[in-house]
Amino acid sequence: MYQTDKAGNRRVVRMVYEICTFQALRDQLRCKQIWVVGADKWRKPAQDLPADVEERRIEH
């Protein structure tokens, strides 16, 4: 989203840009496309495993 300043230049609306950036970052963190160094301290390993890991342990 852009706004025009008094001089007639197009400027990015910073708040809209930041919100879109944080939403994209949140989505990528949720699906593990981005890895944060040291984040494994707060990880829940049970959520990382497939639901049927015990029944299909050999395949996994």
PDB file of N, CA and C in Angstrom:
ATOM      1  N   MET A   1       0.844  -1.163   0.000  1.00  0.00           N
ATOM      2  CA  MET A   1       0.000   0.000   0.000  1.00  0.00           C
ATOM      3  C   MET A   1       0.893   1.231   0.000  1.00  0.00           C
ATOM      4  N   TYR A   2       0.543   2.185  -0.798  1.00  0.00           N
ATOM      5  CA  TYR A   2       1.333   3.392  -0.953  1.00  0.00           C
ATOM      6  C   TYR A   2       0.510   4.624  -0.618  1.00  0.00           C
ATOM      7  N   GLN A   3       1.212   5.667  -0.198  1.00  0.00           N
ATOM      8  CA  GLN A   3       0.621   6.992  -0.034  1.00  0.00           C
ATOM      9  C   GLN A   3       1.519   7.971  -0.768  1.00  0.00           C
ATOM     10  N   THR A   4       0.957   9.066  -1.187  1.00  0.00           N
ATOM     11  CA  THR A   4       1.744  10.097  -1.846  1.00  0.00           C
ATOM     12  C   THR A   4       2.052  11.189  -0.831  1.00  0.00           C
ATOM     13  N   ASP A   5       3.332  11.554  -0.728  1.00  0.00           N
ATOM     14  CA  ASP A   5       3.697  12.602   0.225  1.00  0.00           C
ATOM     15  C   ASP A   5       3.474  13.979  -0.397  1.00  0.00           C
ATOM     16  N   LYS A   6       3.803  15.033   0.339  1.00  0.00           N
ATOM     17  CA  LYS A   6       3.563  16.404  -0.120  1.00  0.00           C
ATOM     18  C   LYS A   6       4.352  16.746  -1.375  1.00  0.00           C
ATOM     19  N   ALA A   7       5.491  16.090  -1.543  1.00  0.00           N
ATOM     20  CA  ALA A   7       6.316  16.347  -2.725  1.00  0.00           C
ATOM     21  C   ALA A   7       5.855  15.540  -3.941  1.00  0.00           C
ATOM     22  N   GLY A   8       4.856  14.684  -3.760  1.00  0.00           N
ATOM     23  CA  GLY A   8       4.344  13.883  -4.864  1.00  0.00           C
ATOM     24  C   GLY A   8       5.022  12.535  -5.016  1.00  0.00           C
ATOM     25  N   ASN A   9       5.882  12.169  -4.074  1.00  0.00           N
ATOM     26  CA  ASN A   9       6.572  10.876  -4.122  1.00  0.00           C
ATOM     27  C   ASN A   9       5.702   9.789  -3.496  1.00  0.00           C
ATOM     28  N   ARG A  10       5.774   8.609  -4.089  1.00  0.00           N
ATOM     29  CA  ARG A  10       5.041   7.476  -3.510  1.00  0.00           C
ATOM     30  C   ARG A  10       5.840   6.891  -2.369  1.00  0.00           C
ATOM     31  N   ARG A  11       5.192   6.655  -1.245  1.00  0.00           N
ATOM     32  CA  ARG A  11       5.835   6.089  -0.063  1.00  0.00           C
ATOM     33  C   ARG A  11       5.054   4.866   0.399  1.00  0.00           C
ATOM     34  N   VAL A  12       5.786   3.861   0.868  1.00  0.00           N
ATOM     35  CA  VAL A  12       5.154   2.666   1.429  1.00  0.00           C
ATOM     36  C   VAL A  12       4.588   3.027   2.797  1.00  0.00           C
ATOM     37  N   VAL A  13       3.367   2.581   3.076  1.00  0.00           N
ATOM     38  CA  VAL A  13       2.784   2.787   4.392  1.00  0.00           C
ATOM     39  C   VAL A  13       3.442   1.783   5.324  1.00  0.00           C
ATOM     40  N   ARG A  14       4.263   2.295   6.226  1.00  0.00           N
ATOM     41  CA  ARG A  14       5.119   1.437   7.042  1.00  0.00           C
ATOM     42  C   ARG A  14       4.332   0.463   7.906  1.00  0.00           C
ATOM     43  N   MET A  15       3.258   0.890   8.528  1.00  0.00           N
ATOM     44  CA  MET A  15       2.503   0.013   9.417  1.00  0.00           C
ATOM     45  C   MET A  15       1.925  -1.183   8.650  1.00  0.00           C
ATOM     46  N   VAL A  16       1.394  -0.939   7.472  1.00  0.00           N
ATOM     47  CA  VAL A  16       0.836  -2.022   6.657  1.00  0.00           C
ATOM     48  C   VAL A  16       1.950  -2.988   6.249  1.00  0.00           C
ATOM     49  N   TYR A  17       3.095  -2.450   5.859  1.00  0.00           N
ATOM     50  CA  TYR A  17       4.244  -3.274   5.466  1.00  0.00           C
ATOM     51  C   TYR A  17       4.695  -4.158   6.632  1.00  0.00           C
ATOM     52  N   GLU A  18       4.800  -3.579   7.824  1.00  0.00           N
ATOM     53  CA  GLU A  18       5.251  -4.337   8.993  1.00  0.00           C
ATOM     54  C   GLU A  18       4.259  -5.433   9.362  1.00  0.00           C
ATOM     55  N   ILE A  19       2.982  -5.145   9.312  1.00  0.00           N
ATOM     56  CA  ILE A  19       1.972  -6.159   9.633  1.00  0.00           C
ATOM     57  C   ILE A  19       2.058  -7.323   8.657  1.00  0.00           C
ATOM     58  N   CYS A  20       2.181  -7.023   7.371  1.00  0.00           N
ATOM     59  CA  CYS A  20       2.290  -8.094   6.363  1.00  0.00           C
ATOM     60  C   CYS A  20       3.562  -8.914   6.579  1.00  0.00           C
ATOM     61  N   THR A  21       4.646  -8.246   6.933  1.00  0.00           N
ATOM     62  CA  THR A  21       5.912  -8.942   7.182  1.00  0.00           C
ATOM     63  C   THR A  21       5.791  -9.881   8.372  1.00  0.00           C
ATOM     64  N   PHE A  22       5.206  -9.407   9.468  1.00  0.00           N
ATOM     65  CA  PHE A  22       5.061 -10.245  10.657  1.00  0.00           C
ATOM     66  C   PHE A  22       4.089 -11.403  10.427  1.00  0.00           C
ATOM     67  N   GLN A  23       3.043 -11.181   9.643  1.00  0.00           N
ATOM     68  CA  GLN A  23       2.120 -12.274   9.331  1.00  0.00           C
ATOM     69  C   GLN A  23       2.823 -13.351   8.506  1.00  0.00           C
ATOM     70  N   ALA A  24       3.622 -12.946   7.535  1.00  0.00           N
ATOM     71  CA  ALA A  24       4.359 -13.916   6.717  1.00  0.00           C
ATOM     72  C   ALA A  24       5.370 -14.674   7.572  1.00  0.00           C
ATOM     73  N   LEU A  25       6.056 -13.965   8.455  1.00  0.00           N
ATOM     74  CA  LEU A  25       7.016 -14.608   9.346  1.00  0.00           C
ATOM     75  C   LEU A  25       6.325 -15.606  10.263  1.00  0.00           C
ATOM     76  N   ARG A  26       5.183 -15.225  10.818  1.00  0.00           N
ATOM     77  CA  ARG A  26       4.423 -16.125  11.691  1.00  0.00           C
ATOM     78  C   ARG A  26       4.023 -17.400  10.949  1.00  0.00           C
ATOM     79  N   ASP A  27       3.530 -17.250   9.729  1.00  0.00           N
ATOM     80  CA  ASP A  27       3.103 -18.418   8.954  1.00  0.00           C
ATOM     81  C   ASP A  27       4.282 -19.342   8.648  1.00  0.00           C
ATOM     82  N   GLN A  28       5.426 -18.775   8.324  1.00  0.00           N
ATOM     83  CA  GLN A  28       6.598 -19.596   8.006  1.00  0.00           C
ATOM     84  C   GLN A  28       7.175 -20.257   9.243  1.00  0.00           C
ATOM     85  N   LEU A  29       7.092 -19.600  10.381  1.00  0.00           N
ATOM     86  CA  LEU A  29       7.551 -20.221  11.622  1.00  0.00           C
ATOM     87  C   LEU A  29       6.651 -21.384  12.004  1.00  0.00           C
ATOM     88  N   ARG A  30       5.361 -21.233  11.790  1.00  0.00           N
ATOM     89  CA  ARG A  30       4.411 -22.301  12.139  1.00  0.00           C
ATOM     90  C   ARG A  30       4.650 -23.561  11.332  1.00  0.00           C
ATOM     91  N   CYS A  31       4.995 -23.428  10.067  1.00  0.00           N
ATOM     92  CA  CYS A  31       5.212 -24.623   9.237  1.00  0.00           C
ATOM     93  C   CYS A  31       6.691 -24.961   9.112  1.00  0.00           C
ATOM     94  N   LYS A  32       7.524 -24.345   9.948  1.00  0.00           N
ATOM     95  CA  LYS A  32       8.949 -24.647  10.071  1.00  0.00           C
ATOM     96  C   LYS A  32       9.739 -24.386   8.798  1.00  0.00           C
ATOM     97  N   GLN A  33       9.328 -23.369   8.025  1.00  0.00           N
ATOM     98  CA  GLN A  33      10.119 -22.952   6.878  1.00  0.00           C
ATOM     99  C   GLN A  33      11.277 -22.064   7.327  1.00  0.00           C
ATOM    100  N   ILE A  34      11.131 -21.500   8.538  1.00  0.00           N
ATOM    101  CA  ILE A  34      12.179 -20.680   9.121  1.00  0.00           C
ATOM    102  C   ILE A  34      12.564 -21.312  10.444  1.00  0.00           C
ATOM    103  N   TRP A  35      13.862 -21.377  10.722  1.00  0.00           N
ATOM    104  CA  TRP A  35      14.326 -21.943  11.985  1.00  0.00           C
ATOM    105  C   TRP A  35      15.034 -20.852  12.767  1.00  0.00           C
ATOM    106  N   VAL A  36      14.641 -20.688  14.017  1.00  0.00           N
ATOM    107  CA  VAL A  36      15.254 -19.698  14.894  1.00  0.00           C
ATOM    108  C   VAL A  36      16.281 -20.412  15.765  1.00  0.00           C
ATOM    109  N   VAL A  37      17.513 -19.915  15.765  1.00  0.00           N
ATOM    110  CA  VAL A  37      18.583 -20.520  16.556  1.00  0.00           C
ATOM    111  C   VAL A  37      18.195 -20.508  18.034  1.00  0.00           C
ATOM    112  N   GLY A  38      18.298 -21.664  18.683  1.00  0.00           N
ATOM    113  CA  GLY A  38      17.977 -21.777  20.107  1.00  0.00           C
ATOM    114  C   GLY A  38      16.512 -22.029  20.399  1.00  0.00           C
ATOM    115  N   ALA A  39      15.677 -22.078  19.370  1.00  0.00           N
ATOM    116  CA  ALA A  39      14.241 -22.247  19.582  1.00  0.00           C
ATOM    117  C   ALA A  39      13.870 -23.654  20.029  1.00  0.00           C
ATOM    118  N   ASP A  40      14.765 -24.613  19.842  1.00  0.00           N
ATOM    119  CA  ASP A  40      14.443 -25.990  20.204  1.00  0.00           C
ATOM    120  C   ASP A  40      14.292 -26.170  21.714  1.00  0.00           C
ATOM    121  N   LYS A  41      14.711 -25.205  22.519  1.00  0.00           N
ATOM    122  CA  LYS A  41      14.527 -25.294  23.970  1.00  0.00           C
ATOM    123  C   LYS A  41      13.054 -25.337  24.335  1.00  0.00           C
ATOM    124  N   TRP A  42      12.207 -24.644  23.563  1.00  0.00           N
ATOM    125  CA  TRP A  42      10.781 -24.553  23.871  1.00  0.00           C
ATOM    126  C   TRP A  42       9.938 -25.416  22.945  1.00  0.00           C
ATOM    127  N   ARG A  43      10.551 -26.297  22.231  1.00  0.00           N
ATOM    128  CA  ARG A  43       9.849 -27.153  21.273  1.00  0.00           C
ATOM    129  C   ARG A  43       9.057 -28.239  21.987  1.00  0.00           C
ATOM    130  N   LYS A  44       7.978 -28.677  21.373  1.00  0.00           N
ATOM    131  CA  LYS A  44       7.177 -29.797  21.864  1.00  0.00           C
ATOM    132  C   LYS A  44       7.362 -30.942  20.872  1.00  0.00           C
ATOM    133  N   PRO A  45       8.281 -31.858  21.153  1.00  0.00           N
ATOM    134  CA  PRO A  45       8.581 -32.924  20.189  1.00  0.00           C
ATOM    135  C   PRO A  45       7.361 -33.755  19.800  1.00  0.00           C
ATOM    136  N   ALA A  46       6.404 -33.924  20.696  1.00  0.00           N
ATOM    137  CA  ALA A  46       5.220 -34.719  20.375  1.00  0.00           C
ATOM    138  C   ALA A  46       4.439 -34.105  19.218  1.00  0.00           C
ATOM    139  N   GLN A  47       4.494 -32.796  19.065  1.00  0.00           N
ATOM    140  CA  GLN A  47       3.780 -32.146  17.964  1.00  0.00           C
ATOM    141  C   GLN A  47       4.520 -32.305  16.639  1.00  0.00           C
ATOM    142  N   ASP A  48       5.815 -32.595  16.689  1.00  0.00           N
ATOM    143  CA  ASP A  48       6.587 -32.754  15.469  1.00  0.00           C
ATOM    144  C   ASP A  48       6.442 -34.138  14.847  1.00  0.00           C
ATOM    145  N   LEU A  49       6.044 -35.095  15.639  1.00  0.00           N
ATOM    146  CA  LEU A  49       5.930 -36.468  15.157  1.00  0.00           C
ATOM    147  C   LEU A  49       4.571 -36.717  14.518  1.00  0.00           C
ATOM    148  N   PRO A  50       4.506 -37.596  13.528  1.00  0.00           N
ATOM    149  CA  PRO A  50       3.218 -37.983  12.969  1.00  0.00           C
ATOM    150  C   PRO A  50       2.365 -38.678  14.039  1.00  0.00           C
ATOM    151  N   ALA A  51       1.056 -38.579  13.915  1.00  0.00           N
ATOM    152  CA  ALA A  51       0.146 -39.153  14.912  1.00  0.00           C
ATOM    153  C   ALA A  51       0.278 -40.668  15.002  1.00  0.00           C
ATOM    154  N   ASP A  52       0.642 -41.327  13.894  1.00  0.00           N
ATOM    155  CA  ASP A  52       0.708 -42.788  13.870  1.00  0.00           C
ATOM    156  C   ASP A  52       2.135 -43.316  13.999  1.00  0.00           C
ATOM    157  N   VAL A  53       3.005 -42.580  14.650  1.00  0.00           N
ATOM    158  CA  VAL A  53       4.414 -42.967  14.711  1.00  0.00           C
ATOM    159  C   VAL A  53       4.618 -44.304  15.417  1.00  0.00           C
ATOM    160  N   GLU A  54       3.846 -44.599  16.431  1.00  0.00           N
ATOM    161  CA  GLU A  54       4.009 -45.869  17.146  1.00  0.00           C
ATOM    162  C   GLU A  54       3.603 -47.059  16.282  1.00  0.00           C
ATOM    163  N   GLU A  55       2.516 -46.923  15.522  1.00  0.00           N
ATOM    164  CA  GLU A  55       2.053 -48.032  14.685  1.00  0.00           C
ATOM    165  C   GLU A  55       2.949 -48.225  13.462  1.00  0.00           C
ATOM    166  N   ARG A  56       3.534 -47.164  12.952  1.00  0.00           N
ATOM    167  CA  ARG A  56       4.330 -47.227  11.735  1.00  0.00           C
ATOM    168  C   ARG A  56       5.774 -46.840  11.983  1.00  0.00           C
ATOM    169  N   ARG A  57       6.317 -47.217  13.123  1.00  0.00           N
ATOM    170  CA  ARG A  57       7.671 -46.820  13.517  1.00  0.00           C
ATOM    171  C   ARG A  57       8.721 -47.238  12.471  1.00  0.00           C
ATOM    172  N   ILE A  58       8.609 -48.399  11.897  1.00  0.00           N
ATOM    173  CA  ILE A  58       9.595 -48.885  10.922  1.00  0.00           C
ATOM    174  C   ILE A  58       9.609 -47.973   9.680  1.00  0.00           C
ATOM    175  N   GLU A  59       8.440 -47.582   9.209  1.00  0.00           N
ATOM    176  CA  GLU A  59       8.355 -46.714   8.032  1.00  0.00           C
ATOM    177  C   GLU A  59       8.931 -45.340   8.314  1.00  0.00           C
ATOM    178  N   HIS A  60       8.659 -44.856   9.520  1.00  0.00           N
ATOM    179  CA  HIS A  60       9.100 -43.500   9.843  1.00  0.00           C
ATOM    180  C   HIS A  60      10.559 -43.530  10.216  1.00  0.00           C
TER     181      HIS A  60
END
